[in-house]
N, C-alpha and C. Protein backbone atom coordinates (compact mmCIF):
# COMPACT_ATOMS: atom_id res chain seq x y z
N MET A 1 -61.73 -2.75 12.24
CA MET A 1 -62.37 -1.78 12.95
C MET A 1 -61.28 -1.46 14.15
N LEU A 2 -60.89 -2.46 14.94
CA LEU A 2 -59.81 -2.28 15.87
C LEU A 2 -58.46 -1.79 15.52
N THR A 3 -58.08 -2.05 14.28
CA THR A 3 -57.06 -1.14 13.82
C THR A 3 -57.33 0.15 13.57
N THR A 4 -58.33 0.48 12.99
CA THR A 4 -58.75 2.08 12.81
C THR A 4 -58.83 2.88 14.20
N LEU A 5 -59.42 1.92 15.21
CA LEU A 5 -59.52 2.69 16.64
C LEU A 5 -58.21 2.70 17.26
N ALA A 6 -57.05 1.81 16.88
CA ALA A 6 -55.82 1.88 17.44
C ALA A 6 -55.09 3.20 16.99
N ALA A 7 -55.25 3.38 15.74
CA ALA A 7 -54.67 4.55 14.95
C ALA A 7 -55.19 5.67 15.32
N GLU A 8 -56.66 5.76 15.83
CA GLU A 8 -57.30 6.84 16.33
C GLU A 8 -56.92 7.15 17.63
N ARG A 9 -56.53 6.32 18.46
CA ARG A 9 -56.11 6.36 19.76
C ARG A 9 -54.52 7.26 19.76
N TYR A 10 -53.86 6.95 18.87
CA TYR A 10 -52.29 7.24 18.80
C TYR A 10 -52.29 7.87 17.34
N ASP A 11 -53.30 8.86 17.35
CA ASP A 11 -53.27 9.93 16.25
C ASP A 11 -51.81 10.57 16.34
N GLY A 12 -51.26 10.84 14.97
CA GLY A 12 -49.79 11.13 14.97
C GLY A 12 -48.61 10.32 14.52
N ILE A 13 -48.97 9.18 14.97
CA ILE A 13 -48.01 7.99 14.63
C ILE A 13 -48.28 7.28 13.67
N ILE A 14 -49.46 7.17 13.46
CA ILE A 14 -50.47 6.50 12.31
C ILE A 14 -51.63 7.40 11.73
N ASP A 15 -51.54 7.76 10.71
CA ASP A 15 -52.84 8.53 10.28
C ASP A 15 -54.13 7.77 10.32
N PRO A 16 -55.03 8.36 11.27
CA PRO A 16 -56.04 7.23 11.23
C PRO A 16 -57.12 7.26 10.31
N ASN A 17 -57.09 8.07 9.35
CA ASN A 17 -57.81 8.01 8.01
C ASN A 17 -57.23 7.17 6.95
N LEU A 18 -55.85 6.83 7.13
CA LEU A 18 -55.69 5.92 6.29
C LEU A 18 -55.48 4.40 6.72
N ALA A 19 -55.51 4.50 8.15
CA ALA A 19 -55.74 3.07 8.81
C ALA A 19 -57.36 2.78 8.65
N GLY A 20 -58.20 3.60 8.29
CA GLY A 20 -59.68 3.16 8.13
C GLY A 20 -60.09 4.05 6.87
N TRP A 21 -60.92 4.40 6.56
CA TRP A 21 -61.86 4.76 5.57
C TRP A 21 -61.25 5.20 4.44
N ALA A 22 -59.92 6.15 4.41
CA ALA A 22 -59.17 6.65 3.53
C ALA A 22 -58.39 5.43 2.66
N GLY A 23 -57.84 4.60 3.70
CA GLY A 23 -57.10 3.71 3.25
C GLY A 23 -57.57 2.62 2.63
N ASP A 24 -58.85 2.30 2.80
CA ASP A 24 -59.62 1.45 2.16
C ASP A 24 -60.15 2.08 0.63
N LEU A 25 -60.53 3.06 0.61
CA LEU A 25 -61.21 4.16 -0.70
C LEU A 25 -60.05 3.82 -1.30
N GLN A 26 -58.43 4.18 -0.94
CA GLN A 26 -57.15 3.88 -1.71
C GLN A 26 -57.37 2.61 -2.34
N SER A 27 -57.19 1.63 -1.44
CA SER A 27 -56.91 0.16 -2.10
C SER A 27 -57.84 -0.18 -2.95
N PHE A 28 -59.11 0.39 -3.15
CA PHE A 28 -60.45 0.08 -4.03
C PHE A 28 -59.88 0.24 -5.27
N ILE A 29 -58.66 1.26 -5.61
CA ILE A 29 -58.02 1.41 -7.17
C ILE A 29 -58.09 0.07 -7.89
N ARG A 30 -57.36 -0.70 -6.90
CA ARG A 30 -56.84 -2.21 -7.83
C ARG A 30 -58.16 -2.79 -8.49
N ASP A 31 -59.18 -2.83 -7.62
CA ASP A 31 -60.22 -3.57 -7.85
C ASP A 31 -61.03 -2.85 -9.05
N LEU A 32 -61.00 -1.61 -9.01
CA LEU A 32 -61.55 -0.83 -10.07
C LEU A 32 -60.81 -1.04 -11.25
N LYS A 33 -59.48 -1.08 -11.24
CA LYS A 33 -58.62 -1.19 -12.69
C LYS A 33 -58.90 -2.44 -13.02
N LEU A 34 -58.84 -3.52 -12.10
CA LEU A 34 -59.19 -4.78 -12.68
C LEU A 34 -60.26 -5.04 -13.56
N VAL A 35 -61.08 -4.43 -13.12
CA VAL A 35 -62.72 -4.55 -13.87
C VAL A 35 -62.59 -3.65 -15.14
N THR A 36 -62.06 -2.37 -14.95
CA THR A 36 -62.47 -1.62 -16.04
C THR A 36 -61.31 -1.13 -17.16
N TYR A 37 -59.96 -1.63 -16.55
CA TYR A 37 -59.07 -1.23 -17.44
C TYR A 37 -59.05 -1.49 -18.81
N GLY A 38 -58.96 -0.68 -19.84
CA GLY A 38 -58.71 -0.87 -21.23
C GLY A 38 -60.36 -1.12 -21.78
N LEU A 39 -61.30 -0.34 -21.08
CA LEU A 39 -63.01 -0.81 -21.72
C LEU A 39 -63.09 0.62 -22.15
N ASN A 40 -62.42 1.97 -21.70
CA ASN A 40 -62.68 3.14 -22.50
C ASN A 40 -63.51 3.71 -22.10
N LEU A 41 -64.07 3.65 -20.99
CA LEU A 41 -65.33 4.05 -20.26
C LEU A 41 -65.53 5.54 -20.41
N SER A 42 -66.24 6.38 -20.33
CA SER A 42 -66.25 7.75 -20.19
C SER A 42 -66.29 8.04 -18.72
N GLU A 43 -65.90 8.97 -18.14
CA GLU A 43 -66.02 9.16 -16.87
C GLU A 43 -67.23 8.80 -15.93
N ASN A 44 -68.42 9.38 -16.39
CA ASN A 44 -69.55 8.99 -15.86
C ASN A 44 -69.63 7.44 -15.76
N GLU A 45 -69.43 6.81 -16.77
CA GLU A 45 -69.58 5.23 -17.03
C GLU A 45 -68.56 4.56 -15.87
N LEU A 46 -67.29 5.22 -15.68
CA LEU A 46 -66.41 4.95 -14.86
C LEU A 46 -67.04 4.94 -13.18
N LYS A 47 -67.69 5.99 -12.93
CA LYS A 47 -68.10 6.44 -11.69
C LYS A 47 -69.08 5.39 -11.34
N ASP A 48 -70.22 5.28 -12.47
CA ASP A 48 -71.28 4.24 -12.26
C ASP A 48 -70.87 2.75 -12.08
N LYS A 49 -69.70 2.41 -12.89
CA LYS A 49 -68.83 1.15 -12.46
C LYS A 49 -68.40 0.76 -11.12
N ALA A 50 -67.94 1.95 -10.39
CA ALA A 50 -67.09 1.99 -9.45
C ALA A 50 -68.10 1.64 -8.26
N TYR A 51 -69.66 2.29 -8.45
CA TYR A 51 -70.16 2.38 -7.47
C TYR A 51 -71.09 0.82 -7.66
N ASP A 52 -71.09 0.17 -8.72
CA ASP A 52 -71.68 -1.02 -9.04
C ASP A 52 -70.60 -2.01 -8.18
N ILE A 53 -69.31 -1.91 -8.62
CA ILE A 53 -68.66 -3.06 -8.01
C ILE A 53 -68.55 -2.87 -6.45
N ILE A 54 -68.70 -1.65 -5.71
CA ILE A 54 -68.63 -1.97 -4.42
C ILE A 54 -70.03 -2.51 -3.95
N THR A 55 -70.84 -2.20 -4.56
CA THR A 55 -72.79 -2.34 -4.01
C THR A 55 -73.25 -4.09 -4.38
N ASP A 56 -72.01 -4.55 -5.35
CA ASP A 56 -72.43 -5.98 -5.87
C ASP A 56 -71.08 -6.47 -5.95
N TYR A 57 -70.22 -6.75 -5.10
CA TYR A 57 -68.91 -7.24 -5.47
C TYR A 57 -69.00 -8.79 -5.79
N ALA A 58 -70.32 -9.43 -5.33
CA ALA A 58 -70.39 -10.76 -5.92
C ALA A 58 -70.51 -11.11 -7.20
N SER A 59 -70.72 -10.23 -7.87
CA SER A 59 -70.84 -10.06 -9.53
C SER A 59 -69.44 -9.78 -10.42
N TYR A 60 -68.43 -9.63 -9.57
CA TYR A 60 -67.14 -9.41 -9.87
C TYR A 60 -66.05 -10.23 -9.22
N ASN A 61 -66.45 -11.59 -8.82
CA ASN A 61 -65.39 -12.32 -8.22
C ASN A 61 -64.82 -12.94 -9.22
N THR A 62 -65.05 -13.16 -10.48
CA THR A 62 -64.17 -13.81 -11.69
C THR A 62 -63.01 -12.70 -11.53
N TYR A 63 -62.91 -11.26 -11.20
CA TYR A 63 -61.72 -10.53 -11.17
C TYR A 63 -60.93 -10.63 -9.81
N PHE A 64 -61.20 -10.82 -8.88
CA PHE A 64 -60.67 -10.91 -7.72
C PHE A 64 -61.31 -11.98 -6.67
N SER A 65 -60.48 -12.47 -5.72
CA SER A 65 -61.36 -13.22 -4.43
C SER A 65 -61.24 -12.48 -3.18
N ASP A 66 -60.48 -11.19 -3.18
CA ASP A 66 -60.27 -10.49 -1.93
C ASP A 66 -60.61 -9.14 -2.21
N PRO A 67 -62.04 -8.81 -2.30
CA PRO A 67 -62.43 -7.34 -2.60
C PRO A 67 -61.67 -6.41 -1.61
N LYS A 68 -61.45 -5.33 -1.95
CA LYS A 68 -60.48 -4.38 -1.03
C LYS A 68 -61.51 -3.37 -0.43
N PHE A 69 -62.60 -3.09 -0.60
CA PHE A 69 -63.63 -2.08 -0.12
C PHE A 69 -64.98 -2.57 -0.05
N PRO A 70 -65.03 -3.82 0.42
CA PRO A 70 -66.75 -4.18 0.60
C PRO A 70 -67.49 -3.34 1.55
N ARG A 71 -68.71 -3.47 1.29
CA ARG A 71 -69.61 -2.72 2.47
C ARG A 71 -69.50 -2.29 3.73
N GLU A 72 -68.98 -3.97 4.03
CA GLU A 72 -68.67 -4.40 5.82
C GLU A 72 -67.65 -3.58 6.00
N ASP A 73 -66.42 -3.35 5.12
CA ASP A 73 -65.24 -2.49 5.56
C ASP A 73 -65.70 -0.82 5.52
N PHE A 74 -66.48 -0.63 4.76
CA PHE A 74 -67.09 0.68 4.76
C PHE A 74 -67.74 1.07 6.04
N ILE A 75 -68.75 0.14 6.49
CA ILE A 75 -69.51 0.28 7.85
C ILE A 75 -68.55 0.40 9.18
N SER A 76 -67.75 -0.75 8.99
CA SER A 76 -66.76 -0.66 10.07
C SER A 76 -65.74 0.55 9.95
N ASP A 77 -65.39 1.31 9.01
CA ASP A 77 -64.78 2.45 9.13
C ASP A 77 -65.35 3.56 9.64
N LEU A 78 -66.84 3.58 9.19
CA LEU A 78 -67.49 4.76 10.16
C LEU A 78 -67.67 4.59 11.19
N ASP A 79 -67.97 3.07 11.88
CA ASP A 79 -68.33 3.07 13.23
C ASP A 79 -67.09 3.18 14.03
N ALA A 80 -65.78 2.99 13.61
CA ALA A 80 -64.52 3.02 14.20
C ALA A 80 -64.45 4.43 14.63
N LYS A 81 -64.69 5.58 13.61
CA LYS A 81 -64.47 6.80 13.75
C LYS A 81 -65.22 7.35 14.95
N ASN A 82 -66.54 6.91 14.65
CA ASN A 82 -67.49 7.38 15.56
C ASN A 82 -67.57 6.66 17.29
N ILE A 83 -66.79 5.58 17.05
CA ILE A 83 -66.69 4.93 18.43
C ILE A 83 -65.61 6.00 19.32
N HIS A 84 -64.54 6.10 18.37
CA HIS A 84 -63.30 7.17 18.89
C HIS A 84 -63.97 8.30 19.28
N ASN A 85 -64.89 9.08 18.93
CA ASN A 85 -65.45 10.11 19.16
C ASN A 85 -66.52 10.27 20.20
N MET A 86 -67.11 9.04 20.53
CA MET A 86 -68.32 9.10 21.45
C MET A 86 -68.06 9.75 22.82
N ASP A 87 -68.87 10.51 23.24
CA ASP A 87 -68.93 11.10 24.65
C ASP A 87 -69.45 10.00 25.48
N TYR A 88 -68.70 9.11 25.82
CA TYR A 88 -68.91 7.99 26.95
C TYR A 88 -67.87 7.60 27.53
N GLN A 89 -67.89 7.85 28.68
CA GLN A 89 -66.64 7.38 29.36
C GLN A 89 -66.39 5.92 30.25
N SER A 90 -65.56 5.13 29.48
CA SER A 90 -65.34 3.75 29.73
C SER A 90 -63.59 3.46 29.46
N GLN A 91 -63.72 2.60 30.26
CA GLN A 91 -62.06 2.02 30.00
C GLN A 91 -62.22 0.76 29.46
N TYR A 92 -63.49 0.34 29.08
CA TYR A 92 -63.38 -0.77 28.70
C TYR A 92 -64.01 -0.84 27.38
N LEU A 93 -63.51 -1.56 26.37
CA LEU A 93 -63.98 -1.47 25.13
C LEU A 93 -65.24 -2.31 24.93
N SER A 94 -65.56 -3.13 25.47
CA SER A 94 -66.75 -3.78 25.51
C SER A 94 -67.89 -2.98 25.54
N GLU A 95 -67.77 -2.10 26.82
CA GLU A 95 -68.78 -1.17 27.29
C GLU A 95 -69.24 -0.27 26.20
N LEU A 96 -67.91 0.38 25.59
CA LEU A 96 -67.89 1.30 24.47
C LEU A 96 -68.82 0.41 23.23
N LEU A 97 -68.34 -0.96 22.80
CA LEU A 97 -69.40 -1.26 21.85
C LEU A 97 -70.47 -1.47 21.96
N ASN A 98 -70.75 -1.97 23.49
CA ASN A 98 -72.11 -2.30 23.58
C ASN A 98 -73.14 -1.03 23.56
N PHE A 99 -72.26 0.09 24.09
CA PHE A 99 -73.23 1.30 24.11
C PHE A 99 -73.63 1.88 22.43
N TYR A 100 -72.43 1.81 21.92
CA TYR A 100 -72.66 2.38 20.51
C TYR A 100 -73.72 1.51 19.59
N TYR A 101 -73.58 0.30 19.71
CA TYR A 101 -74.26 -0.81 18.79
C TYR A 101 -75.55 -0.90 19.36
N CYS A 102 -75.83 -0.68 20.83
CA CYS A 102 -77.20 -0.54 21.01
C CYS A 102 -78.18 0.76 21.08
N LYS A 103 -77.39 1.93 21.06
CA LYS A 103 -77.93 3.00 20.76
C LYS A 103 -77.88 3.67 19.75
N GLN A 104 -76.49 3.81 19.18
CA GLN A 104 -75.94 5.09 18.40
C GLN A 104 -75.59 4.74 16.95
N TYR A 105 -75.51 3.31 16.62
CA TYR A 105 -75.19 2.92 15.29
C TYR A 105 -76.05 3.47 14.28
N LYS A 106 -77.63 3.70 14.47
CA LYS A 106 -78.48 3.94 13.34
C LYS A 106 -78.13 5.18 13.10
N SER A 107 -77.45 6.28 13.47
CA SER A 107 -77.26 7.23 12.88
C SER A 107 -75.53 7.46 12.60
N ARG A 108 -75.18 6.37 12.07
CA ARG A 108 -73.37 6.35 12.12
C ARG A 108 -73.14 6.92 10.86
N VAL A 109 -73.79 7.20 9.70
CA VAL A 109 -73.43 7.95 8.60
C VAL A 109 -73.39 9.77 9.11
N ASP A 110 -74.51 10.09 9.79
CA ASP A 110 -74.52 11.43 10.23
C ASP A 110 -73.84 11.62 11.14
N ASP A 111 -73.26 11.16 11.99
CA ASP A 111 -72.19 10.99 13.03
C ASP A 111 -70.65 11.12 12.35
N PHE A 112 -70.40 10.31 11.55
CA PHE A 112 -69.31 10.11 10.63
C PHE A 112 -69.18 11.55 10.12
N ILE A 113 -70.23 12.02 9.33
CA ILE A 113 -69.82 13.29 8.71
C ILE A 113 -69.48 14.40 9.90
N ILE A 114 -70.42 14.29 10.67
CA ILE A 114 -70.12 15.60 12.16
C ILE A 114 -68.87 15.13 12.43
N ASN A 115 -68.13 13.92 12.78
CA ASN A 115 -66.72 13.62 13.25
C ASN A 115 -65.69 14.07 12.20
N MET A 116 -65.85 14.12 10.88
CA MET A 116 -65.14 14.41 10.10
C MET A 116 -65.24 16.11 9.83
N GLY A 117 -65.80 16.69 10.51
CA GLY A 117 -65.75 18.27 10.55
C GLY A 117 -66.76 18.78 9.89
N GLY A 118 -67.90 17.76 9.13
CA GLY A 118 -69.18 18.49 8.49
C GLY A 118 -68.84 17.96 7.14
N ARG A 119 -69.94 18.20 6.15
CA ARG A 119 -69.93 17.94 4.70
C ARG A 119 -68.94 18.58 3.96
N LYS A 120 -68.70 19.50 3.91
CA LYS A 120 -67.41 20.53 3.14
C LYS A 120 -66.00 19.91 3.60
N SER A 121 -65.98 19.84 4.88
CA SER A 121 -64.57 19.24 5.29
C SER A 121 -64.40 17.88 4.87
N LEU A 122 -65.66 16.86 4.90
CA LEU A 122 -65.40 15.48 4.52
C LEU A 122 -65.02 15.51 2.81
N LYS A 123 -65.77 16.44 2.09
CA LYS A 123 -65.57 16.37 0.90
C LYS A 123 -63.90 16.66 0.58
N GLU A 124 -63.55 17.67 0.96
CA GLU A 124 -62.31 18.10 0.88
C GLU A 124 -60.98 17.04 1.35
N LYS A 125 -61.17 16.48 2.29
CA LYS A 125 -60.49 15.21 2.76
C LYS A 125 -60.63 14.23 1.79
N ILE A 126 -61.70 13.84 1.09
CA ILE A 126 -62.08 12.56 0.01
C ILE A 126 -61.02 12.98 -1.06
N ILE A 127 -61.02 14.16 -1.56
CA ILE A 127 -59.94 14.78 -2.64
C ILE A 127 -58.82 14.61 -2.40
N GLU A 128 -58.42 15.04 -1.36
CA GLU A 128 -57.20 15.16 -0.26
C GLU A 128 -56.48 13.92 -0.53
N TYR A 129 -57.22 12.66 -0.23
CA TYR A 129 -56.66 11.13 -0.35
C TYR A 129 -56.73 10.54 -1.55
N THR A 130 -57.42 11.10 -2.38
CA THR A 130 -57.65 10.04 -3.77
C THR A 130 -56.79 10.62 -4.78
N ARG A 131 -56.17 11.76 -4.60
CA ARG A 131 -55.42 12.39 -5.81
C ARG A 131 -54.06 13.00 -5.26
N GLY A 132 -53.05 12.63 -5.88
CA GLY A 132 -51.69 12.91 -5.64
C GLY A 132 -50.62 11.67 -5.41
N ASP A 133 -49.44 12.16 -5.12
CA ASP A 133 -48.75 10.99 -5.12
C ASP A 133 -47.45 11.28 -3.93
N GLY A 134 -48.19 11.54 -2.88
CA GLY A 134 -47.59 11.68 -1.43
C GLY A 134 -46.97 10.65 -1.09
N VAL A 135 -45.74 10.63 -0.47
CA VAL A 135 -44.76 9.43 -0.25
C VAL A 135 -45.83 8.69 0.99
N ILE A 136 -46.34 9.32 1.87
CA ILE A 136 -47.25 8.69 2.82
C ILE A 136 -48.39 8.69 2.80
N LYS A 137 -49.01 10.07 2.14
CA LYS A 137 -50.38 10.08 2.04
C LYS A 137 -50.81 9.21 1.27
N HIS A 138 -50.33 8.97 0.07
CA HIS A 138 -51.00 8.27 -1.35
C HIS A 138 -50.27 7.17 -1.62
N MET A 139 -49.43 6.40 -0.60
CA MET A 139 -48.70 5.30 -0.58
C MET A 139 -49.60 4.29 -1.16
N ILE A 140 -50.56 3.87 -0.15
CA ILE A 140 -51.62 2.80 -0.30
C ILE A 140 -52.32 3.02 -1.70
N LEU A 141 -52.83 4.10 -2.07
CA LEU A 141 -53.19 4.28 -3.25
C LEU A 141 -52.34 3.79 -4.63
N HIS A 142 -51.19 4.06 -4.71
CA HIS A 142 -50.31 3.79 -5.62
C HIS A 142 -49.78 2.47 -5.54
N HIS A 143 -49.65 1.71 -4.26
CA HIS A 143 -49.37 0.51 -3.97
C HIS A 143 -50.27 -0.31 -4.66
N PHE A 144 -51.58 -0.29 -4.60
CA PHE A 144 -52.70 -0.97 -5.33
C PHE A 144 -52.76 -0.72 -6.63
N ALA A 145 -52.54 0.31 -6.93
CA ALA A 145 -52.48 0.74 -8.50
C ALA A 145 -51.48 -0.13 -9.22
N ASN A 146 -50.15 -0.10 -8.49
CA ASN A 146 -49.07 -1.11 -9.39
C ASN A 146 -49.58 -2.40 -8.88
N ASN A 147 -50.08 -2.96 -7.84
CA ASN A 147 -50.55 -4.28 -7.83
C ASN A 147 -51.56 -4.66 -9.06
N ALA A 148 -52.21 -3.75 -9.43
CA ALA A 148 -53.22 -4.15 -10.64
C ALA A 148 -52.42 -4.07 -12.01
N ALA A 149 -51.30 -3.68 -11.99
CA ALA A 149 -50.61 -3.43 -13.19
C ALA A 149 -49.90 -4.29 -13.14
N ASP A 150 -49.49 -5.20 -12.33
CA ASP A 150 -48.75 -6.24 -12.16
C ASP A 150 -49.31 -7.45 -12.62
N ARG A 151 -50.67 -7.40 -12.80
CA ARG A 151 -51.54 -8.75 -13.54
C ARG A 151 -51.22 -8.96 -14.68
N ASP A 152 -51.02 -10.11 -15.27
CA ASP A 152 -50.47 -10.54 -16.63
C ASP A 152 -51.92 -9.81 -17.74
N ARG A 153 -52.77 -9.99 -17.14
CA ARG A 153 -54.06 -9.79 -18.36
C ARG A 153 -54.09 -8.33 -18.50
N ILE A 154 -53.78 -7.36 -17.27
CA ILE A 154 -53.67 -6.18 -17.37
C ILE A 154 -52.45 -5.63 -18.42
N LYS A 155 -51.36 -6.20 -18.02
CA LYS A 155 -50.00 -5.75 -19.10
C LYS A 155 -50.35 -6.20 -20.16
N MET A 156 -50.89 -7.25 -20.73
CA MET A 156 -51.31 -7.67 -22.11
C MET A 156 -52.08 -6.44 -23.01
N ILE A 157 -53.17 -5.93 -21.84
CA ILE A 157 -54.08 -5.00 -22.75
C ILE A 157 -53.43 -3.80 -22.77
N TYR A 158 -52.40 -3.39 -21.87
CA TYR A 158 -51.50 -2.29 -22.23
C TYR A 158 -50.52 -2.53 -23.19
N ILE A 159 -49.91 -3.53 -23.62
CA ILE A 159 -48.92 -3.62 -24.44
C ILE A 159 -49.72 -3.87 -25.88
N ASP A 160 -50.94 -4.48 -25.88
CA ASP A 160 -51.67 -4.37 -27.11
C ASP A 160 -52.29 -3.02 -27.35
N SER A 161 -52.06 -1.90 -26.38
CA SER A 161 -52.85 -0.62 -26.82
C SER A 161 -51.56 0.25 -27.37
N ILE A 162 -50.30 -0.21 -27.55
CA ILE A 162 -49.08 0.67 -27.93
C ILE A 162 -49.10 -0.04 -29.35
N ASP A 163 -49.08 1.42 -30.20
CA ASP A 163 -48.81 1.14 -31.75
C ASP A 163 -47.67 1.75 -31.82
N THR A 164 -46.88 0.79 -32.84
CA THR A 164 -45.27 1.09 -33.32
C THR A 164 -45.65 1.23 -34.53
N ILE A 165 -44.87 2.46 -35.12
CA ILE A 165 -44.85 2.43 -36.50
C ILE A 165 -43.32 2.55 -37.02
N GLU A 166 -42.85 1.93 -37.77
CA GLU A 166 -41.55 2.13 -38.24
C GLU A 166 -41.48 2.72 -39.62
N THR A 167 -40.82 3.47 -40.04
CA THR A 167 -40.67 4.37 -41.37
C THR A 167 -39.24 4.18 -41.81
N GLY A 168 -39.10 3.96 -43.10
CA GLY A 168 -38.07 4.07 -43.72
C GLY A 168 -36.71 2.72 -43.57
N ALA A 169 -35.74 2.91 -43.72
CA ALA A 169 -34.47 1.83 -43.72
C ALA A 169 -33.20 2.12 -43.02
N GLY A 170 -32.61 1.28 -42.37
CA GLY A 170 -31.19 1.59 -42.07
C GLY A 170 -31.38 2.18 -40.35
N VAL A 171 -30.32 2.32 -39.91
CA VAL A 171 -30.06 2.70 -38.39
C VAL A 171 -30.69 3.98 -37.93
N ASP A 172 -30.98 4.51 -39.35
CA ASP A 172 -31.33 5.99 -38.66
C ASP A 172 -33.06 6.27 -38.86
N SER A 173 -33.44 5.22 -39.10
CA SER A 173 -34.97 4.90 -39.20
C SER A 173 -35.51 5.46 -38.17
N PRO A 174 -36.64 6.38 -38.26
CA PRO A 174 -37.43 6.93 -37.08
C PRO A 174 -38.30 5.82 -36.40
N ILE A 175 -38.61 5.55 -35.25
CA ILE A 175 -39.66 4.68 -34.86
C ILE A 175 -40.46 5.54 -34.02
N TYR A 176 -41.88 5.41 -34.47
CA TYR A 176 -42.77 6.25 -33.37
C TYR A 176 -43.51 5.21 -32.77
N ILE A 177 -43.71 5.54 -31.41
CA ILE A 177 -44.49 4.58 -30.50
C ILE A 177 -45.72 5.64 -29.79
N THR A 178 -46.87 4.91 -30.11
CA THR A 178 -47.88 6.01 -29.46
C THR A 178 -49.03 5.04 -28.51
N GLU A 179 -48.95 5.38 -27.35
CA GLU A 179 -49.87 4.87 -26.30
C GLU A 179 -51.42 5.27 -26.54
N SER A 180 -52.19 4.44 -26.61
CA SER A 180 -53.45 4.71 -26.38
C SER A 180 -54.16 4.69 -25.28
N LEU A 181 -53.57 3.91 -24.27
CA LEU A 181 -53.84 3.81 -22.79
C LEU A 181 -52.91 4.43 -21.86
N PRO A 182 -53.47 5.02 -20.93
CA PRO A 182 -52.26 5.33 -19.88
C PRO A 182 -51.73 4.01 -19.32
N HIS A 183 -50.44 4.13 -18.71
CA HIS A 183 -49.75 2.97 -18.11
C HIS A 183 -50.77 2.49 -16.99
N PRO A 184 -50.99 1.13 -16.64
CA PRO A 184 -51.88 0.85 -15.72
C PRO A 184 -51.47 1.10 -14.25
N SER A 185 -50.25 1.56 -13.96
CA SER A 185 -49.78 2.01 -12.76
C SER A 185 -50.10 3.45 -12.31
N GLU A 186 -50.53 4.13 -13.30
CA GLU A 186 -50.75 5.53 -13.40
C GLU A 186 -52.04 5.51 -12.65
N VAL A 187 -52.17 6.49 -11.73
CA VAL A 187 -53.95 7.00 -11.30
C VAL A 187 -54.17 8.30 -12.02
N THR A 188 -55.39 7.85 -12.71
CA THR A 188 -55.70 8.79 -13.92
C THR A 188 -56.71 9.70 -13.00
N ILE A 189 -56.75 11.00 -13.40
CA ILE A 189 -57.65 12.03 -12.89
C ILE A 189 -58.93 11.30 -12.62
N GLU A 190 -59.63 10.62 -14.11
CA GLU A 190 -60.87 9.86 -14.11
C GLU A 190 -61.01 9.07 -12.90
N GLU A 191 -59.88 8.08 -12.66
CA GLU A 191 -60.09 7.12 -11.70
C GLU A 191 -60.26 7.78 -10.23
N SER A 192 -59.55 8.89 -10.07
CA SER A 192 -59.57 9.60 -8.79
C SER A 192 -60.93 9.88 -8.55
N ASN A 193 -61.53 10.69 -9.62
CA ASN A 193 -62.70 11.35 -9.52
C ASN A 193 -63.92 10.08 -9.35
N ALA A 194 -63.79 8.84 -9.83
CA ALA A 194 -64.64 7.70 -9.52
C ALA A 194 -64.31 7.57 -8.20
N LEU A 195 -63.37 7.51 -7.54
CA LEU A 195 -62.86 7.15 -6.10
C LEU A 195 -63.76 8.13 -5.27
N GLU A 196 -63.56 9.32 -5.71
CA GLU A 196 -64.46 10.49 -4.69
C GLU A 196 -65.75 10.22 -4.99
N TYR A 197 -66.24 9.85 -6.18
CA TYR A 197 -67.63 9.61 -6.46
C TYR A 197 -68.40 8.50 -5.40
N VAL A 198 -67.57 7.33 -5.47
CA VAL A 198 -68.32 6.38 -4.63
C VAL A 198 -68.34 6.59 -3.58
N PHE A 199 -67.44 7.16 -2.72
CA PHE A 199 -67.30 7.24 -1.40
C PHE A 199 -68.48 8.65 -1.05
N GLU A 200 -68.56 9.59 -1.85
CA GLU A 200 -69.75 10.65 -1.64
C GLU A 200 -70.99 9.92 -1.70
N LYS A 201 -71.25 9.16 -2.85
CA LYS A 201 -72.65 8.45 -2.71
C LYS A 201 -72.73 7.49 -1.80
N LEU A 202 -71.61 6.80 -1.24
CA LEU A 202 -71.98 5.85 -0.25
C LEU A 202 -72.41 6.59 0.97
N ILE A 203 -72.03 7.87 1.16
CA ILE A 203 -72.19 8.49 2.68
C ILE A 203 -72.99 9.57 2.23
N GLY A 204 -73.70 9.73 1.16
CA GLY A 204 -74.78 10.46 0.90
C GLY A 204 -74.43 11.78 0.66
N LEU A 205 -73.41 12.08 0.30
CA LEU A 205 -73.06 13.70 0.03
C LEU A 205 -73.41 14.02 -1.60
N ASN A 206 -73.67 15.34 -2.03
CA ASN A 206 -74.01 15.55 -3.16
C ASN A 206 -73.34 17.15 -3.46
N GLU A 207 -73.49 17.51 -4.82
CA GLU A 207 -72.87 18.74 -5.18
C GLU A 207 -73.52 19.84 -4.28
N GLU A 208 -74.85 19.87 -3.70
CA GLU A 208 -75.25 20.82 -3.24
C GLU A 208 -75.02 20.95 -1.71
N ASP A 209 -74.47 20.08 -1.08
CA ASP A 209 -73.94 20.20 0.30
C ASP A 209 -72.75 21.07 0.22
N THR A 210 -72.86 21.81 1.49
CA THR A 210 -71.77 22.72 1.77
C THR A 210 -71.33 22.42 3.15
């Protein structure tokens, strides 16, 4: 939380969203891939699995020992944004934290949505941070996708999914290679949609909100 607060204070040097909720959400791509890569889940199944991982990390501890987006981090990300935007004047962090956790934390979700510019603005931000290959904006996303792709188990799943068909004989024989799975370092649109879905569900957004 303190890292996020520091980024909020010096906005413009470090993207405060990437130092907080957006960066944590992007890093979650590693956990999602480690659990689901190669399972050929439908998009809805992938979304449900993403939510299940975040809300029940203990059931997936055989995949990783360092979960990237546990619920505690999610709450801390909301609190950091809210504390930064509090209408409470004090030069002491201890006073700010005391005021927030004694009086305002119960409305943390609603306050976070307001501080992100409202529901529509937050939805747009979620999409902005979960799809694309911007050098800065999506660096964390692709770093952790590559982190998953480097695991031996994931490499073997990918290799096993490649069909190689050789025909004819001699040096001019055509070789056909068909990939049945996307490369694990690629962030698919279905995975991006799953990241968006899980954060929107955690925060309480839905398709009818504007």
